[in-house]
Amino acid sequence: SRLSRLEIRVQGIVRSAAGFLGASTPGLRTASPQTRCSMEGGGDEQHQDLTLFVQNLLKEMQSRFQTMSDSIINRIDDMGSRIDDLEKSISELIQEAGVEEGGGATGSASHLGGGGALARPSAA
């Protein structure tokens, strides 16, 4: 009897969740006619309790999902600004290297960390 009541509760939770999400549950077993008759007496109150439980559970899950989503978006935004800063720094270094090469300074090779000129990116 206790197992069948638990099974009924689980089925009710699944049905309520499926209805709340607008999904269908094709493989869900339904309660037997005897179980349905025993549910009818206190079934409404039990159904309301289960509905509230499932709704609260779904709200909590949605809240956690939203928190994770916001965190991911913030990390992506942070990464984007870091990439922008890196691109700006690289561009400034390329411009500085071009000025030093164009100025004919002889000490520029030692300043750049070795002999030879920097490879410039193609304008394609």
PDB file of N, CA and C in Angstrom:
ATOM      1  N   SER A   1       0.837  -1.188   0.000  1.00  0.00           N
ATOM      2  CA  SER A   1       0.000   0.000   0.000  1.00  0.00           C
ATOM      3  C   SER A   1       0.882   1.252   0.000  1.00  0.00           C
ATOM      4  N   ARG A   2       1.930   1.237   0.833  1.00  0.00           N
ATOM      5  CA  ARG A   2       2.820   2.396   0.900  1.00  0.00           C
ATOM      6  C   ARG A   2       3.581   2.573  -0.413  1.00  0.00           C
ATOM      7  N   LEU A   3       3.996   1.451  -1.025  1.00  0.00           N
ATOM      8  CA  LEU A   3       4.703   1.516  -2.293  1.00  0.00           C
ATOM      9  C   LEU A   3       3.795   2.052  -3.387  1.00  0.00           C
ATOM     10  N   SER A   4       2.550   1.603  -3.412  1.00  0.00           N
ATOM     11  CA  SER A   4       1.643   2.080  -4.456  1.00  0.00           C
ATOM     12  C   SER A   4       1.353   3.570  -4.276  1.00  0.00           C
ATOM     13  N   ARG A   5       1.268   4.059  -3.026  1.00  0.00           N
ATOM     14  CA  ARG A   5       1.051   5.487  -2.812  1.00  0.00           C
ATOM     15  C   ARG A   5       2.264   6.290  -3.273  1.00  0.00           C
ATOM     16  N   LEU A   6       3.447   5.739  -3.038  1.00  0.00           N
ATOM     17  CA  LEU A   6       4.654   6.401  -3.501  1.00  0.00           C
ATOM     18  C   LEU A   6       4.695   6.439  -5.024  1.00  0.00           C
ATOM     19  N   GLU A   7       4.322   5.321  -5.637  1.00  0.00           N
ATOM     20  CA  GLU A   7       4.283   5.263  -7.095  1.00  0.00           C
ATOM     21  C   GLU A   7       3.287   6.279  -7.643  1.00  0.00           C
ATOM     22  N   ILE A   8       2.150   6.413  -6.984  1.00  0.00           N
ATOM     23  CA  ILE A   8       1.140   7.375  -7.414  1.00  0.00           C
ATOM     24  C   ILE A   8       1.675   8.797  -7.281  1.00  0.00           C
ATOM     25  N   ARG A   9       2.379   9.067  -6.192  1.00  0.00           N
ATOM     26  CA  ARG A   9       2.957  10.401  -6.001  1.00  0.00           C
ATOM     27  C   ARG A   9       3.968  10.718  -7.097  1.00  0.00           C
ATOM     28  N   VAL A  10       4.821   9.747  -7.394  1.00  0.00           N
ATOM     29  CA  VAL A  10       5.831   9.953  -8.430  1.00  0.00           C
ATOM     30  C   VAL A  10       5.157  10.196  -9.773  1.00  0.00           C
ATOM     31  N   GLN A  11       4.143   9.392 -10.090  1.00  0.00           N
ATOM     32  CA  GLN A  11       3.428   9.582 -11.350  1.00  0.00           C
ATOM     33  C   GLN A  11       2.755  10.949 -11.386  1.00  0.00           C
ATOM     34  N   GLY A  12       2.186  11.354 -10.267  1.00  0.00           N
ATOM     35  CA  GLY A  12       1.555  12.672 -10.204  1.00  0.00           C
ATOM     36  C   GLY A  12       2.552  13.793 -10.418  1.00  0.00           C
ATOM     37  N   ILE A  13       3.724  13.637  -9.821  1.00  0.00           N
ATOM     38  CA  ILE A  13       4.770  14.643  -9.993  1.00  0.00           C
ATOM     39  C   ILE A  13       5.192  14.713 -11.452  1.00  0.00           C
ATOM     40  N   VAL A  14       5.381  13.551 -12.060  1.00  0.00           N
ATOM     41  CA  VAL A  14       5.793  13.520 -13.463  1.00  0.00           C
ATOM     42  C   VAL A  14       4.718  14.139 -14.342  1.00  0.00           C
ATOM     43  N   ARG A  15       3.457  13.797 -14.093  1.00  0.00           N
ATOM     44  CA  ARG A  15       2.360  14.366 -14.891  1.00  0.00           C
ATOM     45  C   ARG A  15       2.284  15.877 -14.705  1.00  0.00           C
ATOM     46  N   SER A  16       2.386  16.322 -13.459  1.00  0.00           N
ATOM     47  CA  SER A  16       2.325  17.762 -13.197  1.00  0.00           C
ATOM     48  C   SER A  16       3.477  18.491 -13.880  1.00  0.00           C
ATOM     49  N   ALA A  17       4.668  17.908 -13.789  1.00  0.00           N
ATOM     50  CA  ALA A  17       5.824  18.525 -14.431  1.00  0.00           C
ATOM     51  C   ALA A  17       5.652  18.543 -15.942  1.00  0.00           C
ATOM     52  N   ALA A  18       5.146  17.452 -16.497  1.00  0.00           N
ATOM     53  CA  ALA A  18       4.940  17.389 -17.942  1.00  0.00           C
ATOM     54  C   ALA A  18       3.894  18.412 -18.372  1.00  0.00           C
ATOM     55  N   GLY A  19       2.827  18.537 -17.598  1.00  0.00           N
ATOM     56  CA  GLY A  19       1.805  19.528 -17.919  1.00  0.00           C
ATOM     57  C   GLY A  19       2.332  20.941 -17.788  1.00  0.00           C
ATOM     58  N   PHE A  20       3.143  21.179 -16.774  1.00  0.00           N
ATOM     59  CA  PHE A  20       3.717  22.500 -16.555  1.00  0.00           C
ATOM     60  C   PHE A  20       4.667  22.874 -17.681  1.00  0.00           C
ATOM     61  N   LEU A  21       5.422  21.918 -18.156  1.00  0.00           N
ATOM     62  CA  LEU A  21       6.380  22.174 -19.225  1.00  0.00           C
ATOM     63  C   LEU A  21       5.750  22.087 -20.606  1.00  0.00           C
ATOM     64  N   GLY A  22       4.501  21.619 -20.682  1.00  0.00           N
ATOM     65  CA  GLY A  22       3.836  21.486 -21.968  1.00  0.00           C
ATOM     66  C   GLY A  22       4.327  20.288 -22.754  1.00  0.00           C
ATOM     67  N   ALA A  23       4.939  19.339 -22.075  1.00  0.00           N
ATOM     68  CA  ALA A  23       5.475  18.161 -22.754  1.00  0.00           C
ATOM     69  C   ALA A  23       4.508  17.000 -22.602  1.00  0.00           C
ATOM     70  N   SER A  24       4.628  16.044 -23.493  1.00  0.00           N
ATOM     71  CA  SER A  24       3.825  14.831 -23.359  1.00  0.00           C
ATOM     72  C   SER A  24       4.693  13.739 -22.764  1.00  0.00           C
ATOM     73  N   THR A  25       4.053  12.792 -22.104  1.00  0.00           N
ATOM     74  CA  THR A  25       4.786  11.678 -21.505  1.00  0.00           C
ATOM     75  C   THR A  25       4.205  10.385 -22.043  1.00  0.00           C
ATOM     76  N   PRO A  26       4.607   9.961 -23.251  1.00  0.00           N
ATOM     77  CA  PRO A  26       3.992   8.798 -23.882  1.00  0.00           C
ATOM     78  C   PRO A  26       4.218   7.491 -23.146  1.00  0.00           C
ATOM     79  N   GLY A  27       5.327   7.295 -22.458  1.00  0.00           N
ATOM     80  CA  GLY A  27       5.607   6.008 -21.828  1.00  0.00           C
ATOM     81  C   GLY A  27       5.160   5.917 -20.387  1.00  0.00           C
ATOM     82  N   LEU A  28       4.419   6.896 -19.904  1.00  0.00           N
ATOM     83  CA  LEU A  28       4.043   6.928 -18.497  1.00  0.00           C
ATOM     84  C   LEU A  28       2.939   5.939 -18.206  1.00  0.00           C
ATOM     85  N   ARG A  29       3.144   5.112 -17.158  1.00  0.00           N
ATOM     86  CA  ARG A  29       2.102   4.166 -16.735  1.00  0.00           C
ATOM     87  C   ARG A  29       1.065   4.913 -15.923  1.00  0.00           C
ATOM     88  N   THR A  30      -0.183   4.539 -16.106  1.00  0.00           N
ATOM     89  CA  THR A  30      -1.242   5.176 -15.326  1.00  0.00           C
ATOM     90  C   THR A  30      -1.574   4.297 -14.138  1.00  0.00           C
ATOM     91  N   ALA A  31      -2.214   4.888 -13.150  1.00  0.00           N
ATOM     92  CA  ALA A  31      -2.577   4.147 -11.946  1.00  0.00           C
ATOM     93  C   ALA A  31      -3.714   3.178 -12.250  1.00  0.00           C
ATOM     94  N   SER A  32      -3.753   2.084 -11.504  1.00  0.00           N
ATOM     95  CA  SER A  32      -4.803   1.080 -11.692  1.00  0.00           C
ATOM     96  C   SER A  32      -6.150   1.643 -11.244  1.00  0.00           C
ATOM     97  N   PRO A  33      -7.283   1.062 -11.693  1.00  0.00           N
ATOM     98  CA  PRO A  33      -8.598   1.569 -11.298  1.00  0.00           C
ATOM     99  C   PRO A  33      -8.794   1.558  -9.783  1.00  0.00           C
ATOM    100  N   GLN A  34      -8.272   0.529  -9.076  1.00  0.00           N
ATOM    101  CA  GLN A  34      -8.418   0.488  -7.624  1.00  0.00           C
ATOM    102  C   GLN A  34      -7.669   1.658  -6.977  1.00  0.00           C
ATOM    103  N   THR A  35      -6.499   1.934  -7.499  1.00  0.00           N
ATOM    104  CA  THR A  35      -5.700   3.018  -6.946  1.00  0.00           C
ATOM    105  C   THR A  35      -6.376   4.352  -7.206  1.00  0.00           C
ATOM    106  N   ARG A  36      -6.970   4.505  -8.384  1.00  0.00           N
ATOM    107  CA  ARG A  36      -7.667   5.742  -8.702  1.00  0.00           C
ATOM    108  C   ARG A  36      -8.824   5.975  -7.748  1.00  0.00           C
ATOM    109  N   CYS A  37      -9.568   4.912  -7.425  1.00  0.00           N
ATOM    110  CA  CYS A  37     -10.698   5.047  -6.504  1.00  0.00           C
ATOM    111  C   CYS A  37     -10.221   5.477  -5.124  1.00  0.00           C
ATOM    112  N   SER A  38      -9.107   4.917  -4.655  1.00  0.00           N
ATOM    113  CA  SER A  38      -8.609   5.279  -3.330  1.00  0.00           C
ATOM    114  C   SER A  38      -8.043   6.693  -3.318  1.00  0.00           C
ATOM    115  N   MET A  39      -7.631   7.200  -4.470  1.00  0.00           N
ATOM    116  CA  MET A  39      -7.086   8.541  -4.556  1.00  0.00           C
ATOM    117  C   MET A  39      -8.177   9.598  -4.531  1.00  0.00           C
ATOM    118  N   GLU A  40      -9.353   9.274  -4.991  1.00  0.00           N
ATOM    119  CA  GLU A  40     -10.387  10.278  -5.174  1.00  0.00           C
ATOM    120  C   GLU A  40     -10.772  10.965  -3.878  1.00  0.00           C
ATOM    121  N   GLY A  41     -10.769  10.254  -2.749  1.00  0.00           N
ATOM    122  CA  GLY A  41     -11.144  10.856  -1.478  1.00  0.00           C
ATOM    123  C   GLY A  41     -10.226  11.994  -1.087  1.00  0.00           C
ATOM    124  N   GLY A  42      -8.956  11.747  -0.944  1.00  0.00           N
ATOM    125  CA  GLY A  42      -7.985  12.773  -0.544  1.00  0.00           C
ATOM    126  C   GLY A  42      -7.107  13.178  -1.702  1.00  0.00           C
ATOM    127  N   GLY A  43      -7.508  12.824  -2.894  1.00  0.00           N
ATOM    128  CA  GLY A  43      -6.677  13.071  -4.069  1.00  0.00           C
ATOM    129  C   GLY A  43      -6.520  14.532  -4.413  1.00  0.00           C
ATOM    130  N   ASP A  44      -7.578  15.326  -4.200  1.00  0.00           N
ATOM    131  CA  ASP A  44      -7.490  16.734  -4.564  1.00  0.00           C
ATOM    132  C   ASP A  44      -6.434  17.461  -3.736  1.00  0.00           C
ATOM    133  N   GLU A  45      -6.455  17.214  -2.435  1.00  0.00           N
ATOM    134  CA  GLU A  45      -5.472  17.865  -1.565  1.00  0.00           C
ATOM    135  C   GLU A  45      -4.068  17.375  -1.891  1.00  0.00           C
ATOM    136  N   GLN A  46      -3.944  16.072  -2.113  1.00  0.00           N
ATOM    137  CA  GLN A  46      -2.645  15.495  -2.462  1.00  0.00           C
ATOM    138  C   GLN A  46      -2.168  16.058  -3.802  1.00  0.00           C
ATOM    139  N   HIS A  47      -3.090  16.175  -4.738  1.00  0.00           N
ATOM    140  CA  HIS A  47      -2.744  16.698  -6.061  1.00  0.00           C
ATOM    141  C   HIS A  47      -2.264  18.139  -5.954  1.00  0.00           C
ATOM    142  N   GLN A  48      -2.941  18.937  -5.131  1.00  0.00           N
ATOM    143  CA  GLN A  48      -2.526  20.326  -4.949  1.00  0.00           C
ATOM    144  C   GLN A  48      -1.147  20.407  -4.305  1.00  0.00           C
ATOM    145  N   ASP A  49      -0.916  19.552  -3.302  1.00  0.00           N
ATOM    146  CA  ASP A  49       0.394  19.537  -2.649  1.00  0.00           C
ATOM    147  C   ASP A  49       1.491  19.168  -3.638  1.00  0.00           C
ATOM    148  N   LEU A  50       1.233  18.148  -4.431  1.00  0.00           N
ATOM    149  CA  LEU A  50       2.232  17.714  -5.407  1.00  0.00           C
ATOM    150  C   LEU A  50       2.453  18.779  -6.470  1.00  0.00           C
ATOM    151  N   THR A  51       1.360  19.417  -6.887  1.00  0.00           N
ATOM    152  CA  THR A  51       1.486  20.475  -7.887  1.00  0.00           C
ATOM    153  C   THR A  51       2.345  21.614  -7.351  1.00  0.00           C
ATOM    154  N   LEU A  52       2.090  22.021  -6.112  1.00  0.00           N
ATOM    155  CA  LEU A  52       2.899  23.078  -5.506  1.00  0.00           C
ATOM    156  C   LEU A  52       4.359  22.660  -5.368  1.00  0.00           C
ATOM    157  N   PHE A  53       4.567  21.405  -4.963  1.00  0.00           N
ATOM    158  CA  PHE A  53       5.929  20.892  -4.826  1.00  0.00           C
ATOM    159  C   PHE A  53       6.665  20.946  -6.160  1.00  0.00           C
ATOM    160  N   VAL A  54       6.014  20.462  -7.206  1.00  0.00           N
ATOM    161  CA  VAL A  54       6.655  20.433  -8.525  1.00  0.00           C
ATOM    162  C   VAL A  54       6.881  21.849  -9.039  1.00  0.00           C
ATOM    163  N   GLN A  55       5.910  22.733  -8.845  1.00  0.00           N
ATOM    164  CA  GLN A  55       6.086  24.110  -9.295  1.00  0.00           C
ATOM    165  C   GLN A  55       7.245  24.778  -8.570  1.00  0.00           C
ATOM    166  N   ASN A  56       7.344  24.565  -7.266  1.00  0.00           N
ATOM    167  CA  ASN A  56       8.467  25.129  -6.511  1.00  0.00           C
ATOM    168  C   ASN A  56       9.792  24.540  -6.970  1.00  0.00           C
ATOM    169  N   LEU A  57       9.794  23.241  -7.230  1.00  0.00           N
ATOM    170  CA  LEU A  57      11.005  22.586  -7.717  1.00  0.00           C
ATOM    171  C   LEU A  57      11.422  23.158  -9.069  1.00  0.00           C
ATOM    172  N   LEU A  58      10.463  23.337  -9.960  1.00  0.00           N
ATOM    173  CA  LEU A  58      10.775  23.886 -11.277  1.00  0.00           C
ATOM    174  C   LEU A  58      11.241  25.339 -11.180  1.00  0.00           C
ATOM    175  N   LYS A  59      10.637  26.113 -10.284  1.00  0.00           N
ATOM    176  CA  LYS A  59      11.085  27.496 -10.092  1.00  0.00           C
ATOM    177  C   LYS A  59      12.518  27.532  -9.578  1.00  0.00           C
ATOM    178  N   GLU A  60      12.829  26.637  -8.643  1.00  0.00           N
ATOM    179  CA  GLU A  60      14.190  26.577  -8.117  1.00  0.00           C
ATOM    180  C   GLU A  60      15.177  26.173  -9.208  1.00  0.00           C
ATOM    181  N   MET A  61      14.794  25.199 -10.024  1.00  0.00           N
ATOM    182  CA  MET A  61      15.662  24.777 -11.123  1.00  0.00           C
ATOM    183  C   MET A  61      15.848  25.915 -12.122  1.00  0.00           C
ATOM    184  N   GLN A  62      14.767  26.637 -12.422  1.00  0.00           N
ATOM    185  CA  GLN A  62      14.862  27.759 -13.344  1.00  0.00           C
ATOM    186  C   GLN A  62      15.769  28.844 -12.780  1.00  0.00           C
ATOM    187  N   SER A  63      15.659  29.096 -11.486  1.00  0.00           N
ATOM    188  CA  SER A  63      16.510  30.096 -10.844  1.00  0.00           C
ATOM    189  C   SER A  63      17.980  29.695 -10.916  1.00  0.00           C
ATOM    190  N   ARG A  64      18.262  28.434 -10.640  1.00  0.00           N
ATOM    191  CA  ARG A  64      19.654  27.959 -10.718  1.00  0.00           C
ATOM    192  C   ARG A  64      20.175  28.027 -12.146  1.00  0.00           C
ATOM    193  N   PHE A  65      19.330  27.659 -13.111  1.00  0.00           N
ATOM    194  CA  PHE A  65      19.728  27.724 -14.512  1.00  0.00           C
ATOM    195  C   PHE A  65      20.006  29.170 -14.910  1.00  0.00           C
ATOM    196  N   GLN A  66      19.154  30.098 -14.464  1.00  0.00           N
ATOM    197  CA  GLN A  66      19.352  31.510 -14.783  1.00  0.00           C
ATOM    198  C   GLN A  66      20.650  32.021 -14.176  1.00  0.00           C
ATOM    199  N   THR A  67      20.946  31.606 -12.945  1.00  0.00           N
ATOM    200  CA  THR A  67      22.189  32.013 -12.292  1.00  0.00           C
ATOM    201  C   THR A  67      23.403  31.504 -13.067  1.00  0.00           C
ATOM    202  N   MET A  68      23.356  30.240 -13.476  1.00  0.00           N
ATOM    203  CA  MET A  68      24.466  29.682 -14.257  1.00  0.00           C
ATOM    204  C   MET A  68      24.580  30.383 -15.603  1.00  0.00           C
ATOM    205  N   SER A  69      23.451  30.653 -16.234  1.00  0.00           N
ATOM    206  CA  SER A  69      23.444  31.328 -17.525  1.00  0.00           C
ATOM    207  C   SER A  69      24.051  32.725 -17.407  1.00  0.00           C
ATOM    208  N   ASP A  70      23.653  33.468 -16.375  1.00  0.00           N
ATOM    209  CA  ASP A  70      24.218  34.805 -16.152  1.00  0.00           C
ATOM    210  C   ASP A  70      25.720  34.734 -15.915  1.00  0.00           C
ATOM    211  N   SER A  71      26.153  33.738 -15.154  1.00  0.00           N
ATOM    212  CA  SER A  71      27.576  33.569 -14.882  1.00  0.00           C
ATOM    213  C   SER A  71      28.350  33.297 -16.170  1.00  0.00           C
ATOM    214  N   ILE A  72      27.800  32.439 -17.008  1.00  0.00           N
ATOM    215  CA  ILE A  72      28.458  32.120 -18.282  1.00  0.00           C
ATOM    216  C   ILE A  72      28.536  33.358 -19.164  1.00  0.00           C
ATOM    217  N   ILE A  73      27.438  34.111 -19.240  1.00  0.00           N
ATOM    218  CA  ILE A  73      27.424  35.322 -20.066  1.00  0.00           C
ATOM    219  C   ILE A  73      28.440  36.332 -19.545  1.00  0.00           C
ATOM    220  N   ASN A  74      28.525  36.495 -18.227  1.00  0.00           N
ATOM    221  CA  ASN A  74      29.514  37.416 -17.656  1.00  0.00           C
ATOM    222  C   ASN A  74      30.935  36.979 -17.981  1.00  0.00           C
ATOM    223  N   ARG A  75      31.185  35.681 -17.918  1.00  0.00           N
ATOM    224  CA  ARG A  75      32.527  35.182 -18.250  1.00  0.00           C
ATOM    225  C   ARG A  75      32.848  35.406 -19.724  1.00  0.00           C
ATOM    226  N   ILE A  76      31.858  35.211 -20.591  1.00  0.00           N
ATOM    227  CA  ILE A  76      32.068  35.441 -22.024  1.00  0.00           C
ATOM    228  C   ILE A  76      32.344  36.921 -22.279  1.00  0.00           C
ATOM    229  N   ASP A  77      31.578  37.814 -21.624  1.00  0.00           N
ATOM    230  CA  ASP A  77      31.815  39.252 -21.770  1.00  0.00           C
ATOM    231  C   ASP A  77      33.212  39.627 -21.288  1.00  0.00           C
ATOM    232  N   ASP A  78      33.625  39.065 -20.153  1.00  0.00           N
ATOM    233  CA  ASP A  78      34.954  39.328 -19.619  1.00  0.00           C
ATOM    234  C   ASP A  78      36.030  38.848 -20.592  1.00  0.00           C
ATOM    235  N   MET A  79      35.823  37.666 -21.148  1.00  0.00           N
ATOM    236  CA  MET A  79      36.785  37.131 -22.108  1.00  0.00           C
ATOM    237  C   MET A  79      36.842  38.015 -23.355  1.00  0.00           C
ATOM    238  N   GLY A  80      35.692  38.503 -23.798  1.00  0.00           N
ATOM    239  CA  GLY A  80      35.661  39.395 -24.962  1.00  0.00           C
ATOM    240  C   GLY A  80      36.436  40.676 -24.716  1.00  0.00           C
ATOM    241  N   SER A  81      36.280  41.265 -23.528  1.00  0.00           N
ATOM    242  CA  SER A  81      37.021  42.497 -23.231  1.00  0.00           C
ATOM    243  C   SER A  81      38.517  42.211 -23.108  1.00  0.00           C
ATOM    244  N   ARG A  82      38.875  41.057 -22.583  1.00  0.00           N
ATOM    245  CA  ARG A  82      40.299  40.696 -22.510  1.00  0.00           C
ATOM    246  C   ARG A  82      40.885  40.520 -23.910  1.00  0.00           C
ATOM    247  N   ILE A  83      40.114  39.905 -24.796  1.00  0.00           N
ATOM    248  CA  ILE A  83      40.578  39.731 -26.178  1.00  0.00           C
ATOM    249  C   ILE A  83      40.737  41.087 -26.849  1.00  0.00           C
ATOM    250  N   ASP A  84      39.774  41.998 -26.619  1.00  0.00           N
ATOM    251  CA  ASP A  84      39.883  43.348 -27.180  1.00  0.00           C
ATOM    252  C   ASP A  84      41.142  44.044 -26.678  1.00  0.00           C
ATOM    253  N   ASP A  85      41.415  43.938 -25.377  1.00  0.00           N
ATOM    254  CA  ASP A  85      42.624  44.542 -24.805  1.00  0.00           C
ATOM    255  C   ASP A  85      43.883  43.927 -25.407  1.00  0.00           C
ATOM    256  N   LEU A  86      43.872  42.617 -25.592  1.00  0.00           N
ATOM    257  CA  LEU A  86      45.023  41.935 -26.184  1.00  0.00           C
ATOM    258  C   LEU A  86      45.250  42.396 -27.623  1.00  0.00           C
ATOM    259  N   GLU A  87      44.167  42.503 -28.393  1.00  0.00           N
ATOM    260  CA  GLU A  87      44.290  42.977 -29.777  1.00  0.00           C
ATOM    261  C   GLU A  87      44.844  44.399 -29.815  1.00  0.00           C
ATOM    262  N   LYS A  88      44.381  45.247 -28.887  1.00  0.00           N
ATOM    263  CA  LYS A  88      44.869  46.626 -28.828  1.00  0.00           C
ATOM    264  C   LYS A  88      46.357  46.652 -28.494  1.00  0.00           C
ATOM    265  N   SER A  89      46.771  45.832 -27.536  1.00  0.00           N
ATOM    266  CA  SER A  89      48.190  45.773 -27.158  1.00  0.00           C
ATOM    267  C   SER A  89      49.047  45.280 -28.313  1.00  0.00           C
ATOM    268  N   ILE A  90      48.577  44.268 -29.004  1.00  0.00           N
ATOM    269  CA  ILE A  90      49.329  43.738 -30.151  1.00  0.00           C
ATOM    270  C   ILE A  90      49.444  44.798 -31.234  1.00  0.00           C
ATOM    271  N   SER A  91      48.348  45.499 -31.489  1.00  0.00           N
ATOM    272  CA  SER A  91      48.361  46.555 -32.503  1.00  0.00           C
ATOM    273  C   SER A  91      49.349  47.656 -32.132  1.00  0.00           C
ATOM    274  N   GLU A  92      49.358  48.046 -30.850  1.00  0.00           N
ATOM    275  CA  GLU A  92      50.304  49.069 -30.395  1.00  0.00           C
ATOM    276  C   GLU A  92      51.744  48.591 -30.533  1.00  0.00           C
ATOM    277  N   LEU A  93      51.996  47.328 -30.198  1.00  0.00           N
ATOM    278  CA  LEU A  93      53.353  46.787 -30.336  1.00  0.00           C
ATOM    279  C   LEU A  93      53.786  46.760 -31.794  1.00  0.00           C
ATOM    280  N   ILE A  94      52.872  46.406 -32.674  1.00  0.00           N
ATOM    281  CA  ILE A  94      53.204  46.382 -34.105  1.00  0.00           C
ATOM    282  C   ILE A  94      53.510  47.792 -34.591  1.00  0.00           C
ATOM    283  N   GLN A  95      52.712  48.770 -34.135  1.00  0.00           N
ATOM    284  CA  GLN A  95      52.967  50.160 -34.537  1.00  0.00           C
ATOM    285  C   GLN A  95      54.305  50.650 -33.994  1.00  0.00           C
ATOM    286  N   GLU A  96      54.606  50.328 -32.737  1.00  0.00           N
ATOM    287  CA  GLU A  96      55.891  50.727 -32.157  1.00  0.00           C
ATOM    288  C   GLU A  96      57.048  50.084 -32.911  1.00  0.00           C
ATOM    289  N   ALA A  97      56.895  48.823 -33.257  1.00  0.00           N
ATOM    290  CA  ALA A  97      57.958  48.131 -33.991  1.00  0.00           C
ATOM    291  C   ALA A  97      58.132  48.746 -35.367  1.00  0.00           C
ATOM    292  N   GLY A  98      57.051  49.149 -35.991  1.00  0.00           N
ATOM    293  CA  GLY A  98      57.131  49.785 -37.309  1.00  0.00           C
ATOM    294  C   GLY A  98      57.807  51.133 -37.237  1.00  0.00           C
ATOM    295  N   VAL A  99      57.528  51.911 -36.192  1.00  0.00           N
ATOM    296  CA  VAL A  99      58.157  53.220 -36.011  1.00  0.00           C
ATOM    297  C   VAL A  99      59.645  53.043 -35.775  1.00  0.00           C
ATOM    298  N   GLU A 100      60.018  52.067 -34.945  1.00  0.00           N
ATOM    299  CA  GLU A 100      61.432  51.832 -34.658  1.00  0.00           C
ATOM    300  C   GLU A 100      62.163  51.350 -35.898  1.00  0.00           C
ATOM    301  N   GLU A 101      61.527  50.501 -36.703  1.00  0.00           N
ATOM    302  CA  GLU A 101      62.171  50.015 -37.923  1.00  0.00           C
ATOM    303  C   GLU A 101      62.286  51.137 -38.937  1.00  0.00           C
ATOM    304  N   GLY A 102      61.233  51.927 -39.066  1.00  0.00           N
ATOM    305  CA  GLY A 102      61.227  53.015 -40.043  1.00  0.00           C
ATOM    306  C   GLY A 102      62.169  54.141 -39.648  1.00  0.00           C
ATOM    307  N   GLY A 103      62.408  54.342 -38.359  1.00  0.00           N
ATOM    308  CA  GLY A 103      63.280  55.410 -37.860  1.00  0.00           C
ATOM    309  C   GLY A 103      64.749  55.110 -38.085  1.00  0.00           C
ATOM    310  N   GLY A 104      65.080  53.883 -38.413  1.00  0.00           N
ATOM    311  CA  GLY A 104      66.460  53.514 -38.674  1.00  0.00           C
ATOM    312  C   GLY A 104      67.294  53.385 -37.422  1.00  0.00           C
ATOM    313  N   ALA A 105      66.651  53.177 -36.268  1.00  0.00           N
ATOM    314  CA  ALA A 105      67.404  53.029 -35.021  1.00  0.00           C
ATOM    315  C   ALA A 105      68.131  51.702 -35.030  1.00  0.00           C
ATOM    316  N   THR A 106      69.423  51.726 -34.695  1.00  0.00           N
ATOM    317  CA  THR A 106      70.210  50.504 -34.734  1.00  0.00           C
ATOM    318  C   THR A 106      70.018  49.664 -33.493  1.00  0.00           C
ATOM    319  N   GLY A 107      69.573  50.247 -32.392  1.00  0.00           N
ATOM    320  CA  GLY A 107      69.374  49.510 -31.153  1.00  0.00           C
ATOM    321  C   GLY A 107      68.034  48.785 -31.112  1.00  0.00           C
ATOM    322  N   SER A 108      67.241  48.900 -32.147  1.00  0.00           N
ATOM    323  CA  SER A 108      65.907  48.301 -32.114  1.00  0.00           C
ATOM    324  C   SER A 108      65.957  46.783 -32.150  1.00  0.00           C
ATOM    325  N   ALA A 109      66.961  46.206 -32.765  1.00  0.00           N
ATOM    326  CA  ALA A 109      67.037  44.748 -32.834  1.00  0.00           C
ATOM    327  C   ALA A 109      67.271  44.161 -31.448  1.00  0.00           C
ATOM    328  N   SER A 110      68.115  44.805 -30.651  1.00  0.00           N
ATOM    329  CA  SER A 110      68.338  44.280 -29.306  1.00  0.00           C
ATOM    330  C   SER A 110      67.123  44.531 -28.426  1.00  0.00           C
ATOM    331  N   HIS A 111      66.410  45.613 -28.663  1.00  0.00           N
ATOM    332  CA  HIS A 111      65.210  45.923 -27.881  1.00  0.00           C
ATOM    333  C   HIS A 111      64.094  44.918 -28.162  1.00  0.00           C
ATOM    334  N   LEU A 112      64.021  44.381 -29.353  1.00  0.00           N
ATOM    335  CA  LEU A 112      62.965  43.451 -29.743  1.00  0.00           C
ATOM    336  C   LEU A 112      63.299  42.015 -29.385  1.00  0.00           C
ATOM    337  N   GLY A 113      64.405  41.780 -28.759  1.00  0.00           N
ATOM    338  CA  GLY A 113      64.698  40.450 -28.264  1.00  0.00           C
ATOM    339  C   GLY A 113      65.457  39.580 -29.234  1.00  0.00           C
ATOM    340  N   GLY A 114      66.213  40.119 -30.082  1.00  0.00           N
ATOM    341  CA  GLY A 114      67.003  39.308 -30.990  1.00  0.00           C
ATOM    342  C   GLY A 114      67.252  40.062 -32.273  1.00  0.00           C
ATOM    343  N   GLY A 115      67.979  39.448 -33.168  1.00  0.00           N
ATOM    344  CA  GLY A 115      68.240  40.095 -34.440  1.00  0.00           C
ATOM    345  C   GLY A 115      67.094  39.878 -35.403  1.00  0.00           C
ATOM    346  N   GLY A 116      67.026  40.678 -36.402  1.00  0.00           N
ATOM    347  CA  GLY A 116      66.003  40.495 -37.433  1.00  0.00           C
ATOM    348  C   GLY A 116      64.781  41.347 -37.184  1.00  0.00           C
ATOM    349  N   ALA A 117      64.015  41.491 -38.241  1.00  0.00           N
ATOM    350  CA  ALA A 117      62.821  42.338 -38.181  1.00  0.00           C
ATOM    351  C   ALA A 117      61.606  41.518 -37.787  1.00  0.00           C
ATOM    352  N   LEU A 118      60.599  42.208 -37.306  1.00  0.00           N
ATOM    353  CA  LEU A 118      59.332  41.553 -36.974  1.00  0.00           C
ATOM    354  C   LEU A 118      58.559  41.247 -38.247  1.00  0.00           C
ATOM    355  N   ALA A 119      57.899  40.137 -38.248  1.00  0.00           N
ATOM    356  CA  ALA A 119      57.044  39.807 -39.391  1.00  0.00           C
ATOM    357  C   ALA A 119      55.756  40.603 -39.264  1.00  0.00           C
ATOM    358  N   ARG A 120      55.384  41.285 -40.321  1.00  0.00           N
ATOM    359  CA  ARG A 120      54.154  42.075 -40.303  1.00  0.00           C
ATOM    360  C   ARG A 120      53.001  41.234 -40.831  1.00  0.00           C
ATOM    361  N   PRO A 121      51.843  41.407 -40.250  1.00  0.00           N
ATOM    362  CA  PRO A 121      50.679  40.675 -40.761  1.00  0.00           C
ATOM    363  C   PRO A 121      50.283  41.209 -42.127  1.00  0.00           C
ATOM    364  N   SER A 122      49.800  40.324 -42.962  1.00  0.00           N
ATOM    365  CA  SER A 122      49.386  40.743 -44.299  1.00  0.00           C
ATOM    366  C   SER A 122      48.087  41.525 -44.201  1.00  0.00           C
ATOM    367  N   ALA A 123      47.850  42.395 -45.153  1.00  0.00           N
ATOM    368  CA  ALA A 123      46.658  43.249 -45.143  1.00  0.00           C
ATOM    369  C   ALA A 123      45.485  42.581 -45.843  1.00  0.00           C
ATOM    370  N   ALA A 124      45.511  41.281 -46.009  1.00  0.00           N
ATOM    371  CA  ALA A 124      44.448  40.596 -46.741  1.00  0.00           C
ATOM    372  C   ALA A 124      43.208  40.417 -45.955  1.00  0.00           C
TER     373      ALA A 124
END
